[in-house]
N, C-alpha and C. Protein backbone atom coordinates (compact mmCIF):
# COMPACT_ATOMS: atom_id res chain seq x y z
N MET A 1 5.26 -9.11 -14.98
CA MET A 1 4.95 -8.64 -13.55
C MET A 1 3.64 -8.11 -13.52
N LEU A 2 2.78 -8.82 -12.58
CA LEU A 2 1.65 -8.38 -12.39
C LEU A 2 1.28 -6.73 -11.76
N PRO A 3 0.19 -6.17 -11.99
CA PRO A 3 -0.10 -4.96 -11.56
C PRO A 3 0.28 -4.72 -9.94
N GLY A 4 0.12 -5.73 -9.30
CA GLY A 4 0.07 -5.65 -7.96
C GLY A 4 1.70 -5.84 -7.42
N GLU A 5 2.57 -6.46 -8.24
CA GLU A 5 3.76 -6.10 -8.05
C GLU A 5 4.55 -4.95 -8.54
N VAL A 6 4.11 -4.66 -9.84
CA VAL A 6 4.62 -3.06 -9.96
C VAL A 6 4.34 -2.13 -8.43
N ARG A 7 3.19 -2.08 -8.29
CA ARG A 7 2.71 -1.45 -7.04
C ARG A 7 3.50 -1.57 -5.89
N ALA A 8 3.79 -2.87 -5.63
CA ALA A 8 4.96 -2.96 -4.39
C ALA A 8 6.02 -2.72 -4.92
N MET A 9 6.69 -2.58 -5.86
CA MET A 9 8.02 -1.99 -6.24
C MET A 9 8.30 -0.82 -6.17
N HIS A 10 6.79 0.08 -6.66
CA HIS A 10 7.06 1.42 -6.21
C HIS A 10 7.30 1.56 -4.86
N GLU A 11 6.34 1.15 -3.83
CA GLU A 11 6.50 1.55 -2.64
C GLU A 11 7.94 1.02 -1.99
N LEU A 12 8.02 -0.02 -2.44
CA LEU A 12 9.68 -0.38 -2.17
C LEU A 12 10.56 0.51 -2.34
N SER A 13 10.68 1.16 -3.74
CA SER A 13 11.82 1.97 -3.89
C SER A 13 11.48 3.07 -3.10
N ILE A 14 10.57 3.46 -2.85
CA ILE A 14 10.17 4.58 -1.94
C ILE A 14 10.65 4.51 -0.61
N CYS A 15 10.60 3.36 -0.12
CA CYS A 15 10.83 3.16 1.12
C CYS A 15 12.45 2.71 1.22
N ASN A 16 13.03 2.46 0.56
CA ASN A 16 14.42 2.39 0.24
C ASN A 16 15.14 3.43 0.50
N ALA A 17 14.31 4.76 -0.59
CA ALA A 17 14.94 6.05 -0.43
C ALA A 17 14.69 6.83 0.95
N ILE A 18 13.60 6.37 1.53
CA ILE A 18 13.48 7.03 2.94
C ILE A 18 14.38 6.53 3.74
N ALA A 19 14.74 5.12 3.97
CA ALA A 19 15.60 4.16 5.01
C ALA A 19 17.13 4.88 4.73
N SER A 20 17.34 5.16 3.43
CA SER A 20 18.83 6.10 3.08
C SER A 20 18.89 7.34 3.90
N THR A 21 18.05 7.99 3.40
CA THR A 21 17.94 9.31 3.99
C THR A 21 17.59 9.42 5.51
N ALA A 22 16.98 8.42 6.10
CA ALA A 22 17.14 8.41 7.40
C ALA A 22 18.72 7.80 8.53
N VAL A 23 19.13 6.77 7.64
CA VAL A 23 20.24 6.32 7.94
C VAL A 23 21.52 7.29 7.84
N LYS A 24 21.39 8.10 6.89
CA LYS A 24 22.36 9.28 6.43
C LYS A 24 22.27 10.35 7.60
N HIS A 25 21.30 10.86 7.81
CA HIS A 25 20.97 11.85 8.72
C HIS A 25 20.95 11.44 10.23
N ALA A 26 21.01 10.19 10.18
CA ALA A 26 21.08 9.71 11.89
C ALA A 26 22.49 9.68 12.37
N GLU A 27 23.52 9.32 11.62
CA GLU A 27 24.91 9.41 11.61
C GLU A 27 25.20 8.23 12.70
N GLY A 28 24.51 7.14 12.31
CA GLY A 28 24.85 6.14 13.39
C GLY A 28 23.85 5.77 14.63
N ARG A 29 23.24 7.02 15.14
CA ARG A 29 22.60 6.88 16.39
C ARG A 29 21.18 6.46 15.83
N PRO A 30 20.32 5.68 17.09
CA PRO A 30 19.29 4.76 16.86
C PRO A 30 18.13 5.68 16.46
N VAL A 31 17.58 5.31 15.56
CA VAL A 31 15.92 5.96 15.19
C VAL A 31 15.00 5.28 15.28
N THR A 32 14.28 6.22 16.16
CA THR A 32 12.90 5.53 16.76
C THR A 32 11.49 5.76 15.92
N GLN A 33 11.68 7.01 15.26
CA GLN A 33 10.53 6.97 14.15
C GLN A 33 10.84 8.02 13.02
N VAL A 34 10.45 7.84 11.65
CA VAL A 34 10.51 8.27 10.50
C VAL A 34 9.26 8.94 10.11
N LYS A 35 9.16 10.07 9.93
CA LYS A 35 7.85 10.94 9.64
C LYS A 35 7.94 11.38 8.38
N VAL A 36 6.93 10.97 7.29
CA VAL A 36 6.93 11.29 5.99
C VAL A 36 5.65 11.94 5.65
N GLN A 37 5.68 13.03 4.60
CA GLN A 37 4.59 13.16 3.97
C GLN A 37 4.28 12.68 2.74
N ILE A 38 3.46 12.31 2.32
CA ILE A 38 3.01 11.66 1.01
C ILE A 38 1.80 12.57 0.01
N GLY A 39 2.08 13.16 -0.77
CA GLY A 39 0.75 13.89 -1.77
C GLY A 39 0.24 13.02 -2.19
N HIS A 40 -1.12 13.16 -2.29
CA HIS A 40 -2.31 12.61 -2.92
C HIS A 40 -1.86 12.04 -4.35
N LEU A 41 -1.51 13.03 -5.31
CA LEU A 41 -1.02 12.61 -6.67
C LEU A 41 0.34 11.76 -6.62
N ARG A 42 0.82 11.40 -5.53
CA ARG A 42 2.09 10.37 -5.62
C ARG A 42 1.65 8.86 -5.81
N GLN A 43 0.13 8.88 -5.59
CA GLN A 43 -0.50 7.44 -5.71
C GLN A 43 0.10 6.60 -4.96
N VAL A 44 0.55 6.88 -3.75
CA VAL A 44 0.80 5.71 -2.85
C VAL A 44 0.05 5.10 -2.08
N VAL A 45 -0.11 3.82 -1.83
CA VAL A 45 -1.06 3.12 -1.13
C VAL A 45 -0.22 3.12 0.24
N PRO A 46 -0.86 3.70 1.28
CA PRO A 46 -0.01 3.42 2.66
C PRO A 46 0.14 2.19 3.32
N ASP A 47 -0.75 1.08 3.27
CA ASP A 47 -0.76 0.21 3.77
C ASP A 47 0.41 -0.60 3.04
N ALA A 48 0.69 -0.40 1.46
CA ALA A 48 1.85 -1.19 0.88
C ALA A 48 2.97 -0.20 1.42
N LEU A 49 3.29 0.87 1.50
CA LEU A 49 4.37 1.67 2.01
C LEU A 49 4.64 1.07 3.37
N GLN A 50 3.72 0.81 4.09
CA GLN A 50 4.12 0.42 5.61
C GLN A 50 4.60 -0.89 5.66
N PHE A 51 3.77 -2.22 4.80
CA PHE A 51 4.54 -3.22 4.67
C PHE A 51 5.75 -2.93 3.92
N SER A 52 5.96 -2.41 2.95
CA SER A 52 7.47 -2.14 2.29
C SER A 52 8.66 -1.54 3.52
N TRP A 53 8.28 -0.79 4.32
CA TRP A 53 9.10 -0.21 5.48
C TRP A 53 9.40 -1.41 6.32
N GLU A 54 8.51 -2.19 6.60
CA GLU A 54 8.89 -3.33 7.47
C GLU A 54 10.11 -4.19 6.80
N VAL A 55 9.85 -4.49 5.57
CA VAL A 55 10.60 -5.34 4.91
C VAL A 55 12.20 -4.64 4.51
N VAL A 56 12.09 -3.41 4.40
CA VAL A 56 13.38 -2.73 4.14
C VAL A 56 13.97 -2.32 5.47
N SER A 57 13.45 -2.16 6.41
CA SER A 57 13.86 -1.66 7.86
C SER A 57 14.26 -2.88 8.71
N SER A 58 13.74 -3.87 8.36
CA SER A 58 14.03 -5.16 9.06
C SER A 58 15.69 -5.60 9.08
N THR A 59 16.09 -5.01 7.74
CA THR A 59 17.69 -5.77 7.52
C THR A 59 18.73 -4.52 7.65
N THR A 60 18.14 -3.55 8.54
CA THR A 60 18.93 -2.26 8.55
C THR A 60 19.04 -2.00 9.92
N ASP A 61 19.78 -0.62 10.52
CA ASP A 61 19.48 0.05 11.70
C ASP A 61 18.45 0.57 11.96
N LEU A 62 17.47 0.58 11.18
CA LEU A 62 15.87 0.92 11.18
C LEU A 62 15.15 0.17 11.78
N LYS A 63 15.43 -1.08 12.19
CA LYS A 63 14.65 -2.18 12.35
C LYS A 63 13.42 -2.28 13.27
N ASP A 64 13.86 -1.39 14.18
CA ASP A 64 12.67 -0.74 15.45
C ASP A 64 11.98 0.67 15.08
N ALA A 65 12.62 1.18 13.93
CA ALA A 65 12.11 2.66 13.76
C ALA A 65 10.54 2.42 12.89
N GLN A 66 9.82 3.37 13.64
CA GLN A 66 8.37 3.11 12.86
C GLN A 66 8.11 4.25 12.06
N LEU A 67 7.61 4.07 10.88
CA LEU A 67 7.19 5.12 9.94
C LEU A 67 6.00 5.64 10.11
N VAL A 68 6.03 7.02 10.01
CA VAL A 68 4.69 7.69 10.30
C VAL A 68 4.08 8.57 8.89
N ILE A 69 3.25 7.92 8.41
CA ILE A 69 2.49 8.95 6.86
C ILE A 69 1.84 9.68 7.23
N GLU A 70 2.18 10.89 6.93
CA GLU A 70 0.98 12.20 6.84
C GLU A 70 0.72 12.04 5.25
N GLN A 71 -0.75 11.81 5.07
CA GLN A 71 -1.03 12.23 3.63
C GLN A 71 -1.66 13.46 3.40
N VAL A 72 -0.71 14.15 2.38
CA VAL A 72 -1.10 15.41 1.91
C VAL A 72 -2.21 15.53 0.59
N PRO A 73 -3.31 15.97 0.94
CA PRO A 73 -4.56 16.24 -0.07
C PRO A 73 -3.93 17.00 -1.33
N ALA A 74 -4.47 16.62 -2.51
CA ALA A 74 -4.11 17.61 -3.64
C ALA A 74 -5.23 18.64 -3.65
N VAL A 75 -4.78 19.94 -3.61
CA VAL A 75 -5.07 20.95 -3.68
C VAL A 75 -4.94 22.06 -4.65
N VAL A 76 -5.95 22.41 -5.22
CA VAL A 76 -5.85 23.39 -6.50
C VAL A 76 -6.04 24.71 -6.03
N GLU A 77 -6.00 25.71 -6.87
CA GLU A 77 -6.66 26.86 -6.66
C GLU A 77 -6.86 27.39 -8.27
N CYS A 78 -8.26 27.95 -8.33
CA CYS A 78 -8.69 27.97 -9.63
C CYS A 78 -7.89 29.52 -10.28
N LEU A 79 -7.16 29.84 -11.34
CA LEU A 79 -7.14 31.22 -11.75
C LEU A 79 -7.81 31.84 -12.27
N ASP A 80 -9.20 31.11 -12.67
CA ASP A 80 -10.63 32.16 -13.11
C ASP A 80 -11.62 32.57 -12.21
N CYS A 81 -11.69 31.76 -11.21
CA CYS A 81 -12.60 32.08 -10.09
C CYS A 81 -12.33 32.08 -8.76
N GLY A 82 -11.10 31.63 -8.67
CA GLY A 82 -10.09 32.21 -7.24
C GLY A 82 -10.61 31.06 -6.36
N ALA A 83 -11.43 29.91 -6.61
CA ALA A 83 -12.05 28.84 -5.37
C ALA A 83 -10.73 28.13 -5.54
N THR A 84 -10.43 27.86 -4.06
CA THR A 84 -9.48 26.63 -3.79
C THR A 84 -10.22 25.42 -3.50
N THR A 85 -9.94 24.10 -4.10
CA THR A 85 -10.59 22.97 -3.96
C THR A 85 -9.47 21.74 -3.71
N VAL A 86 -10.22 21.15 -2.92
CA VAL A 86 -9.72 19.74 -2.53
C VAL A 86 -9.83 18.99 -3.58
N LEU A 87 -8.93 17.80 -4.15
CA LEU A 87 -9.59 16.98 -5.25
C LEU A 87 -9.41 15.84 -4.75
N ASP A 88 -10.95 14.99 -5.15
CA ASP A 88 -10.88 13.72 -4.68
C ASP A 88 -9.97 12.95 -5.71
N LEU A 89 -9.80 13.28 -7.01
CA LEU A 89 -9.57 12.58 -8.17
C LEU A 89 -8.25 13.05 -8.68
N ALA A 90 -7.38 12.36 -9.40
CA ALA A 90 -6.44 13.05 -10.11
C ALA A 90 -6.79 13.82 -11.41
N ILE A 91 -7.62 14.58 -11.36
CA ILE A 91 -8.07 15.24 -12.43
C ILE A 91 -7.71 17.09 -11.86
N LEU A 92 -7.12 17.64 -12.59
CA LEU A 92 -6.54 18.85 -12.19
C LEU A 92 -7.60 20.13 -12.74
N ALA A 93 -8.95 20.02 -12.05
CA ALA A 93 -9.91 20.93 -12.63
C ALA A 93 -10.06 21.68 -11.08
N CYS A 94 -11.13 22.85 -11.30
CA CYS A 94 -11.55 23.62 -10.24
C CYS A 94 -12.84 22.87 -9.65
N GLY A 95 -13.10 22.62 -8.56
CA GLY A 95 -14.48 22.14 -8.04
C GLY A 95 -15.49 22.59 -8.09
N ALA A 96 -15.27 24.39 -8.43
CA ALA A 96 -16.59 25.44 -8.26
C ALA A 96 -17.18 25.64 -9.73
N CYS A 97 -15.91 25.77 -10.55
CA CYS A 97 -16.32 26.11 -11.79
C CYS A 97 -16.20 25.18 -12.96
N ASP A 98 -15.36 24.05 -12.45
CA ASP A 98 -14.82 22.95 -13.49
C ASP A 98 -14.07 23.49 -14.54
N GLY A 99 -13.26 24.79 -14.28
CA GLY A 99 -12.52 25.07 -15.03
C GLY A 99 -10.99 24.36 -14.83
N PHE A 100 -10.24 24.42 -16.07
CA PHE A 100 -9.10 23.64 -15.79
C PHE A 100 -7.52 24.40 -15.58
N ASP A 101 -7.84 25.87 -15.74
CA ASP A 101 -6.59 26.89 -15.36
C ASP A 101 -6.65 26.92 -13.96
N VAL A 102 -5.64 25.88 -13.37
CA VAL A 102 -5.69 25.89 -11.88
C VAL A 102 -4.29 25.76 -11.70
N LYS A 103 -3.85 26.40 -10.33
CA LYS A 103 -2.71 26.22 -9.96
C LYS A 103 -2.45 24.97 -8.85
N LEU A 104 -1.69 24.07 -9.05
CA LEU A 104 -1.76 23.07 -7.79
C LEU A 104 -0.88 23.58 -6.51
N LEU A 105 -1.79 23.52 -5.42
CA LEU A 105 -1.05 23.98 -4.11
C LEU A 105 -0.30 23.14 -3.40
N SER A 106 -0.88 21.61 -3.46
CA SER A 106 -0.27 20.81 -2.70
C SER A 106 -0.74 19.02 -3.07
N GLY A 107 -0.13 18.33 -2.71
CA GLY A 107 -0.26 17.19 -3.60
C GLY A 107 0.87 16.03 -4.09
N GLU A 108 1.82 16.67 -4.24
CA GLU A 108 2.74 16.31 -4.96
C GLU A 108 4.01 15.87 -4.10
N GLU A 109 3.85 16.11 -2.61
CA GLU A 109 4.83 15.93 -1.85
C GLU A 109 5.57 14.60 -1.68
N LEU A 110 6.68 14.49 -1.38
CA LEU A 110 7.21 13.03 -0.89
C LEU A 110 8.66 13.74 -0.23
N LEU A 111 8.30 13.64 1.25
CA LEU A 111 9.04 14.35 2.00
C LEU A 111 9.28 13.47 3.38
N VAL A 112 10.81 13.47 3.72
CA VAL A 112 10.93 13.08 4.99
C VAL A 112 10.82 14.18 5.85
N VAL A 113 9.69 14.42 6.48
CA VAL A 113 9.87 15.32 7.58
C VAL A 113 10.90 15.30 8.80
N SER A 114 10.88 14.41 9.45
CA SER A 114 11.29 14.39 10.59
C SER A 114 12.03 12.65 10.78
N ILE A 115 13.00 12.82 11.45
CA ILE A 115 13.58 11.63 11.88
C ILE A 115 13.64 11.65 13.72
N ASP A 116 13.12 10.99 14.31
CA ASP A 116 13.34 10.89 15.64
C ASP A 116 14.18 9.99 16.19
N LEU A 117 15.49 10.58 16.82
CA LEU A 117 16.60 9.77 17.43
C LEU A 117 16.31 9.68 19.03
N VAL A 118 17.13 8.33 19.60
CA VAL A 118 17.36 8.00 20.70
C VAL A 118 18.39 8.95 21.22
N ASP A 119 18.34 9.85 22.66
CA ASP A 119 19.23 10.56 23.12
C ASP A 119 20.38 9.55 23.41
N ALA A 120 21.22 9.98 23.28
CA ALA A 120 22.59 9.16 23.65
C ALA A 120 23.06 9.64 25.27
């Protein structure tokens, strides 16, 4: 398997889980939109996730539903200097003092935030 294929499989499995959750909670009602939060540290490629959503949703009751992705930055709080830092890289270190004694505040999210349904 090539690296791109592994990446696509990652997003495809995430979309399968999102679709399963949406269908379960929709209880047969038409879905117009599914909103998700994806943390930076999950290393999900938004374009690949959108493409995977089109593939997954096209064969389900979600075929007309839009996937809205909210990217959540990785943020740490330094336990040494107290600084709060937004991480650019997946290295858990303080941006102010370069210390590694940090507490992760956000960035690992993988949540279905809302499912918009058609009113019957």
